[in-house]
Amino acid sequence: MTQKQRDIFACYVLNQRDTLEKDIEQLQSNLRFRKISQIDCLELVIAQERLNTFNDVVRDVNSILKVIKFES
C-alpha cells in the first residue's frame, strides 16, 4: 500500500467516524428535546452499534495492513 493510499484511507476513516459520531449526537439531542419513543431509543442504539462496528473493522484492517506490510 502506497503512502497516498494510506492517506486516503486515513481521511476516509476520520470522515466516516466523524459522521457516525455526529449521527449519535443528533439522536441524543432528539431524546433530550422531545418526548422519548421506543423508536428513538432503538435508533440511538443502532447508531452506537454502527460506530462500534466501524471502529472494530478499522482496527482489523489496520492489523491486516501491518501484516501485509511486513510480508512485502
PDB file of N, CA and C in Angstrom:
ATOM      1  N   MET A   1       0.861  -1.175   0.000  1.00  0.00           N
ATOM      2  CA  MET A   1       0.000   0.000   0.000  1.00  0.00           C
ATOM      3  C   MET A   1       0.900   1.228   0.000  1.00  0.00           C
ATOM      4  N   THR A   2       0.627   2.141  -0.922  1.00  0.00           N
ATOM      5  CA  THR A   2       1.453   3.337  -1.019  1.00  0.00           C
ATOM      6  C   THR A   2       1.058   4.344   0.060  1.00  0.00           C
ATOM      7  N   GLN A   3       1.906   5.324   0.238  1.00  0.00           N
ATOM      8  CA  GLN A   3       1.617   6.361   1.232  1.00  0.00           C
ATOM      9  C   GLN A   3       0.345   7.127   0.866  1.00  0.00           C
ATOM     10  N   LYS A   4       0.145   7.368  -0.425  1.00  0.00           N
ATOM     11  CA  LYS A   4      -1.064   8.080  -0.858  1.00  0.00           C
ATOM     12  C   LYS A   4      -2.312   7.266  -0.511  1.00  0.00           C
ATOM     13  N   GLN A   5      -2.261   5.961  -0.725  1.00  0.00           N
ATOM     14  CA  GLN A   5      -3.396   5.105  -0.388  1.00  0.00           C
ATOM     15  C   GLN A   5      -3.650   5.106   1.122  1.00  0.00           C
ATOM     16  N   ARG A   6      -2.582   5.106   1.899  1.00  0.00           N
ATOM     17  CA  ARG A   6      -2.731   5.163   3.356  1.00  0.00           C
ATOM     18  C   ARG A   6      -3.373   6.483   3.783  1.00  0.00           C
ATOM     19  N   ASP A   7      -2.964   7.572   3.142  1.00  0.00           N
ATOM     20  CA  ASP A   7      -3.540   8.883   3.457  1.00  0.00           C
ATOM     21  C   ASP A   7      -5.032   8.932   3.113  1.00  0.00           C
ATOM     22  N   ILE A   8      -5.375   8.364   1.960  1.00  0.00           N
ATOM     23  CA  ILE A   8      -6.780   8.331   1.550  1.00  0.00           C
ATOM     24  C   ILE A   8      -7.594   7.494   2.534  1.00  0.00           C
ATOM     25  N   PHE A   9      -7.052   6.355   2.937  1.00  0.00           N
ATOM     26  CA  PHE A   9      -7.741   5.502   3.908  1.00  0.00           C
ATOM     27  C   PHE A   9      -7.914   6.242   5.235  1.00  0.00           C
ATOM     28  N   ALA A  10      -6.872   6.928   5.693  1.00  0.00           N
ATOM     29  CA  ALA A  10      -6.951   7.672   6.953  1.00  0.00           C
ATOM     30  C   ALA A  10      -8.016   8.768   6.877  1.00  0.00           C
ATOM     31  N   CYS A  11      -8.084   9.464   5.758  1.00  0.00           N
ATOM     32  CA  CYS A  11      -9.112  10.501   5.581  1.00  0.00           C
ATOM     33  C   CYS A  11     -10.508   9.890   5.587  1.00  0.00           C
ATOM     34  N   TYR A  12     -10.655   8.753   4.924  1.00  0.00           N
ATOM     35  CA  TYR A  12     -11.952   8.063   4.917  1.00  0.00           C
ATOM     36  C   TYR A  12     -12.357   7.698   6.334  1.00  0.00           C
ATOM     37  N   VAL A  13     -11.431   7.124   7.093  1.00  0.00           N
ATOM     38  CA  VAL A  13     -11.731   6.703   8.463  1.00  0.00           C
ATOM     39  C   VAL A  13     -12.148   7.905   9.306  1.00  0.00           C
ATOM     40  N   LEU A  14     -11.384   8.974   9.229  1.00  0.00           N
ATOM     41  CA  LEU A  14     -11.707  10.161  10.026  1.00  0.00           C
ATOM     42  C   LEU A  14     -13.063  10.740   9.653  1.00  0.00           C
ATOM     43  N   ASN A  15     -13.336  10.852   8.359  1.00  0.00           N
ATOM     44  CA  ASN A  15     -14.614  11.416   7.911  1.00  0.00           C
ATOM     45  C   ASN A  15     -15.787  10.528   8.289  1.00  0.00           C
ATOM     46  N   GLN A  16     -15.629   9.227   8.105  1.00  0.00           N
ATOM     47  CA  GLN A  16     -16.723   8.305   8.428  1.00  0.00           C
ATOM     48  C   GLN A  16     -16.991   8.286   9.928  1.00  0.00           C
ATOM     49  N   ARG A  17     -15.923   8.252  10.730  1.00  0.00           N
ATOM     50  CA  ARG A  17     -16.091   8.247  12.189  1.00  0.00           C
ATOM     51  C   ARG A  17     -16.777   9.542  12.644  1.00  0.00           C
ATOM     52  N   ASP A  18     -16.376  10.660  12.054  1.00  0.00           N
ATOM     53  CA  ASP A  18     -16.984  11.946  12.394  1.00  0.00           C
ATOM     54  C   ASP A  18     -18.479  11.937  12.059  1.00  0.00           C
ATOM     55  N   THR A  19     -18.824  11.398  10.910  1.00  0.00           N
ATOM     56  CA  THR A  19     -20.229  11.318  10.502  1.00  0.00           C
ATOM     57  C   THR A  19     -21.036  10.452  11.464  1.00  0.00           C
ATOM     58  N   LEU A  20     -20.486   9.303  11.825  1.00  0.00           N
ATOM     59  CA  LEU A  20     -21.188   8.404  12.743  1.00  0.00           C
ATOM     60  C   LEU A  20     -21.353   9.039  14.127  1.00  0.00           C
ATOM     61  N   GLU A  21     -20.329   9.731  14.590  1.00  0.00           N
ATOM     62  CA  GLU A  21     -20.413  10.400  15.895  1.00  0.00           C
ATOM     63  C   GLU A  21     -21.434  11.534  15.872  1.00  0.00           C
ATOM     64  N   LYS A  22     -21.500  12.259  14.766  1.00  0.00           N
ATOM     65  CA  LYS A  22     -22.491  13.333  14.654  1.00  0.00           C
ATOM     66  C   LYS A  22     -23.907  12.781  14.610  1.00  0.00           C
ATOM     67  N   ASP A  23     -24.076  11.631  13.976  1.00  0.00           N
ATOM     68  CA  ASP A  23     -25.389  10.975  13.979  1.00  0.00           C
ATOM     69  C   ASP A  23     -25.822  10.660  15.407  1.00  0.00           C
ATOM     70  N   ILE A  24     -24.893  10.136  16.199  1.00  0.00           N
ATOM     71  CA  ILE A  24     -25.201   9.815  17.591  1.00  0.00           C
ATOM     72  C   ILE A  24     -25.547  11.078  18.367  1.00  0.00           C
ATOM     73  N   GLU A  25     -24.775  12.128  18.173  1.00  0.00           N
ATOM     74  CA  GLU A  25     -25.055  13.388  18.868  1.00  0.00           C
ATOM     75  C   GLU A  25     -26.445  13.914  18.509  1.00  0.00           C
ATOM     76  N   GLN A  26     -26.811  13.818  17.240  1.00  0.00           N
ATOM     77  CA  GLN A  26     -28.127  14.292  16.811  1.00  0.00           C
ATOM     78  C   GLN A  26     -29.237  13.469  17.450  1.00  0.00           C
ATOM     79  N   LEU A  27     -29.062  12.169  17.485  1.00  0.00           N
ATOM     80  CA  LEU A  27     -30.081  11.307  18.098  1.00  0.00           C
ATOM     81  C   LEU A  27     -30.185  11.553  19.607  1.00  0.00           C
ATOM     82  N   GLN A  28     -29.062  11.789  20.264  1.00  0.00           N
ATOM     83  CA  GLN A  28     -29.090  12.113  21.691  1.00  0.00           C
ATOM     84  C   GLN A  28     -29.803  13.437  21.921  1.00  0.00           C
ATOM     85  N   SER A  29     -29.559  14.381  21.041  1.00  0.00           N
ATOM     86  CA  SER A  29     -30.230  15.671  21.133  1.00  0.00           C
ATOM     87  C   SER A  29     -31.743  15.505  20.966  1.00  0.00           C
ATOM     88  N   ASN A  30     -32.139  14.653  20.043  1.00  0.00           N
ATOM     89  CA  ASN A  30     -33.567  14.393  19.838  1.00  0.00           C
ATOM     90  C   ASN A  30     -34.210  13.849  21.110  1.00  0.00           C
ATOM     91  N   LEU A  31     -33.480  12.998  21.810  1.00  0.00           N
ATOM     92  CA  LEU A  31     -34.024  12.424  23.046  1.00  0.00           C
ATOM     93  C   LEU A  31     -34.167  13.473  24.141  1.00  0.00           C
ATOM     94  N   ARG A  32     -33.298  14.460  24.129  1.00  0.00           N
ATOM     95  CA  ARG A  32     -33.346  15.493  25.166  1.00  0.00           C
ATOM     96  C   ARG A  32     -34.507  16.462  24.972  1.00  0.00           C
ATOM     97  N   PHE A  33     -34.846  16.748  23.730  1.00  0.00           N
ATOM     98  CA  PHE A  33     -35.746  17.862  23.459  1.00  0.00           C
ATOM     99  C   PHE A  33     -37.128  17.474  22.958  1.00  0.00           C
ATOM    100  N   ARG A  34     -37.453  16.209  23.016  1.00  0.00           N
ATOM    101  CA  ARG A  34     -38.811  15.819  22.644  1.00  0.00           C
ATOM    102  C   ARG A  34     -39.210  14.573  23.428  1.00  0.00           C
ATOM    103  N   LYS A  35     -40.458  14.234  23.308  1.00  0.00           N
ATOM    104  CA  LYS A  35     -40.950  13.059  24.015  1.00  0.00           C
ATOM    105  C   LYS A  35     -40.230  11.821  23.474  1.00  0.00           C
ATOM    106  N   ILE A  36     -39.710  11.017  24.382  1.00  0.00           N
ATOM    107  CA  ILE A  36     -38.915   9.853  24.002  1.00  0.00           C
ATOM    108  C   ILE A  36     -39.843   8.715  23.579  1.00  0.00           C
ATOM    109  N   SER A  37     -39.526   8.130  22.443  1.00  0.00           N
ATOM    110  CA  SER A  37     -40.276   6.957  21.984  1.00  0.00           C
ATOM    111  C   SER A  37     -39.325   5.761  21.910  1.00  0.00           C
ATOM    112  N   GLN A  38     -39.905   4.607  21.784  1.00  0.00           N
ATOM    113  CA  GLN A  38     -39.104   3.392  21.654  1.00  0.00           C
ATOM    114  C   GLN A  38     -38.273   3.433  20.378  1.00  0.00           C
ATOM    115  N   ILE A  39     -38.820   4.004  19.348  1.00  0.00           N
ATOM    116  CA  ILE A  39     -38.111   4.105  18.067  1.00  0.00           C
ATOM    117  C   ILE A  39     -36.872   4.975  18.221  1.00  0.00           C
ATOM    118  N   ASP A  40     -37.007   6.105  18.935  1.00  0.00           N
ATOM    119  CA  ASP A  40     -35.857   6.979  19.160  1.00  0.00           C
ATOM    120  C   ASP A  40     -34.732   6.241  19.878  1.00  0.00           C
ATOM    121  N   CYS A  41     -35.098   5.482  20.885  1.00  0.00           N
ATOM    122  CA  CYS A  41     -34.100   4.717  21.650  1.00  0.00           C
ATOM    123  C   CYS A  41     -33.446   3.666  20.773  1.00  0.00           C
ATOM    124  N   LEU A  42     -34.235   3.000  19.971  1.00  0.00           N
ATOM    125  CA  LEU A  42     -33.712   1.973  19.077  1.00  0.00           C
ATOM    126  C   LEU A  42     -32.767   2.581  18.039  1.00  0.00           C
ATOM    127  N   GLU A  43     -33.138   3.720  17.483  1.00  0.00           N
ATOM    128  CA  GLU A  43     -32.271   4.394  16.515  1.00  0.00           C
ATOM    129  C   GLU A  43     -30.923   4.758  17.141  1.00  0.00           C
ATOM    130  N   LEU A  44     -30.942   5.213  18.386  1.00  0.00           N
ATOM    131  CA  LEU A  44     -29.707   5.565  19.070  1.00  0.00           C
ATOM    132  C   LEU A  44     -28.848   4.324  19.294  1.00  0.00           C
ATOM    133  N   VAL A  45     -29.441   3.248  19.716  1.00  0.00           N
ATOM    134  CA  VAL A  45     -28.690   2.004  19.930  1.00  0.00           C
ATOM    135  C   VAL A  45     -28.066   1.526  18.617  1.00  0.00           C
ATOM    136  N   ILE A  46     -28.832   1.589  17.544  1.00  0.00           N
ATOM    137  CA  ILE A  46     -28.319   1.168  16.241  1.00  0.00           C
ATOM    138  C   ILE A  46     -27.156   2.065  15.804  1.00  0.00           C
ATOM    139  N   ALA A  47     -27.280   3.354  15.994  1.00  0.00           N
ATOM    140  CA  ALA A  47     -26.207   4.282  15.629  1.00  0.00           C
ATOM    141  C   ALA A  47     -24.941   3.999  16.440  1.00  0.00           C
ATOM    142  N   GLN A  48     -25.106   3.715  17.715  1.00  0.00           N
ATOM    143  CA  GLN A  48     -23.951   3.400  18.555  1.00  0.00           C
ATOM    144  C   GLN A  48     -23.293   2.106  18.105  1.00  0.00           C
ATOM    145  N   GLU A  49     -24.097   1.129  17.739  1.00  0.00           N
ATOM    146  CA  GLU A  49     -23.543  -0.145  17.261  1.00  0.00           C
ATOM    147  C   GLU A  49     -22.850   0.022  15.910  1.00  0.00           C
ATOM    148  N   ARG A  50     -23.394   0.896  15.059  1.00  0.00           N
ATOM    149  CA  ARG A  50     -22.724   1.171  13.775  1.00  0.00           C
ATOM    150  C   ARG A  50     -21.335   1.754  14.017  1.00  0.00           C
ATOM    151  N   LEU A  51     -21.222   2.682  14.967  1.00  0.00           N
ATOM    152  CA  LEU A  51     -19.915   3.263  15.293  1.00  0.00           C
ATOM    153  C   LEU A  51     -18.993   2.208  15.886  1.00  0.00           C
ATOM    154  N   ASN A  52     -19.494   1.392  16.799  1.00  0.00           N
ATOM    155  CA  ASN A  52     -18.667   0.342  17.394  1.00  0.00           C
ATOM    156  C   ASN A  52     -18.171  -0.643  16.330  1.00  0.00           C
ATOM    157  N   THR A  53     -19.060  -1.036  15.427  1.00  0.00           N
ATOM    158  CA  THR A  53     -18.686  -1.966  14.363  1.00  0.00           C
ATOM    159  C   THR A  53     -17.659  -1.333  13.438  1.00  0.00           C
ATOM    160  N   PHE A  54     -17.861  -0.076  13.086  1.00  0.00           N
ATOM    161  CA  PHE A  54     -16.902   0.628  12.231  1.00  0.00           C
ATOM    162  C   PHE A  54     -15.527   0.655  12.894  1.00  0.00           C
ATOM    163  N   ASN A  55     -15.477   0.973  14.183  1.00  0.00           N
ATOM    164  CA  ASN A  55     -14.197   1.013  14.897  1.00  0.00           C
ATOM    165  C   ASN A  55     -13.537  -0.359  14.920  1.00  0.00           C
ATOM    166  N   ASP A  56     -14.323  -1.403  15.096  1.00  0.00           N
ATOM    167  CA  ASP A  56     -13.778  -2.770  15.085  1.00  0.00           C
ATOM    168  C   ASP A  56     -13.195  -3.120  13.715  1.00  0.00           C
ATOM    169  N   VAL A  57     -13.924  -2.788  12.657  1.00  0.00           N
ATOM    170  CA  VAL A  57     -13.461  -3.095  11.304  1.00  0.00           C
ATOM    171  C   VAL A  57     -12.182  -2.318  10.984  1.00  0.00           C
ATOM    172  N   VAL A  58     -12.140  -1.054  11.358  1.00  0.00           N
ATOM    173  CA  VAL A  58     -10.939  -0.247  11.102  1.00  0.00           C
ATOM    174  C   VAL A  58      -9.745  -0.836  11.854  1.00  0.00           C
ATOM    175  N   ARG A  59      -9.960  -1.248  13.089  1.00  0.00           N
ATOM    176  CA  ARG A  59      -8.876  -1.863  13.858  1.00  0.00           C
ATOM    177  C   ARG A  59      -8.379  -3.136  13.169  1.00  0.00           C
ATOM    178  N   ASP A  60      -9.307  -3.947  12.663  1.00  0.00           N
ATOM    179  CA  ASP A  60      -8.926  -5.175  11.960  1.00  0.00           C
ATOM    180  C   ASP A  60      -8.180  -4.877  10.665  1.00  0.00           C
ATOM    181  N   VAL A  61      -8.659  -3.919   9.909  1.00  0.00           N
ATOM    182  CA  VAL A  61      -7.992  -3.542   8.658  1.00  0.00           C
ATOM    183  C   VAL A  61      -6.583  -3.043   8.949  1.00  0.00           C
ATOM    184  N   ASN A  62      -6.439  -2.230   9.972  1.00  0.00           N
ATOM    185  CA  ASN A  62      -5.107  -1.745  10.327  1.00  0.00           C
ATOM    186  C   ASN A  62      -4.179  -2.901  10.706  1.00  0.00           C
ATOM    187  N   SER A  63      -4.699  -3.879  11.407  1.00  0.00           N
ATOM    188  CA  SER A  63      -3.894  -5.054  11.769  1.00  0.00           C
ATOM    189  C   SER A  63      -3.476  -5.827  10.523  1.00  0.00           C
ATOM    190  N   ILE A  64      -4.405  -6.018   9.608  1.00  0.00           N
ATOM    191  CA  ILE A  64      -4.100  -6.736   8.366  1.00  0.00           C
ATOM    192  C   ILE A  64      -3.053  -5.982   7.559  1.00  0.00           C
ATOM    193  N   LEU A  65      -3.201  -4.667   7.460  1.00  0.00           N
ATOM    194  CA  LEU A  65      -2.248  -3.879   6.686  1.00  0.00           C
ATOM    195  C   LEU A  65      -0.849  -3.946   7.290  1.00  0.00           C
ATOM    196  N   LYS A  66      -0.753  -4.017   8.595  1.00  0.00           N
ATOM    197  CA  LYS A  66       0.558  -4.147   9.227  1.00  0.00           C
ATOM    198  C   LYS A  66       1.187  -5.491   8.880  1.00  0.00           C
ATOM    199  N   VAL A  67       0.374  -6.547   8.845  1.00  0.00           N
ATOM    200  CA  VAL A  67       0.872  -7.867   8.482  1.00  0.00           C
ATOM    201  C   VAL A  67       1.352  -7.862   7.033  1.00  0.00           C
ATOM    202  N   ILE A  68       0.552  -7.312   6.158  1.00  0.00           N
ATOM    203  CA  ILE A  68       0.912  -7.258   4.751  1.00  0.00           C
ATOM    204  C   ILE A  68       2.185  -6.444   4.554  1.00  0.00           C
ATOM    205  N   LYS A  69       2.309  -5.375   5.286  1.00  0.00           N
ATOM    206  CA  LYS A  69       3.483  -4.507   5.174  1.00  0.00           C
ATOM    207  C   LYS A  69       4.753  -5.290   5.491  1.00  0.00           C
ATOM    208  N   PHE A  70       4.711  -6.131   6.524  1.00  0.00           N
ATOM    209  CA  PHE A  70       5.884  -6.902   6.899  1.00  0.00           C
ATOM    210  C   PHE A  70       6.187  -8.014   5.902  1.00  0.00           C
ATOM    211  N   GLU A  71       5.162  -8.543   5.240  1.00  0.00           N
ATOM    212  CA  GLU A  71       5.364  -9.623   4.279  1.00  0.00           C
ATOM    213  C   GLU A  71       5.910  -9.105   2.966  1.00  0.00           C
ATOM    214  N   SER A  72       5.682  -7.850   2.644  1.00  0.00           N
ATOM    215  CA  SER A  72       6.099  -7.297   1.354  1.00  0.00           C
ATOM    216  C   SER A  72       7.601  -7.111   1.280  1.00  0.00           C
TER     217      SER A  72
END
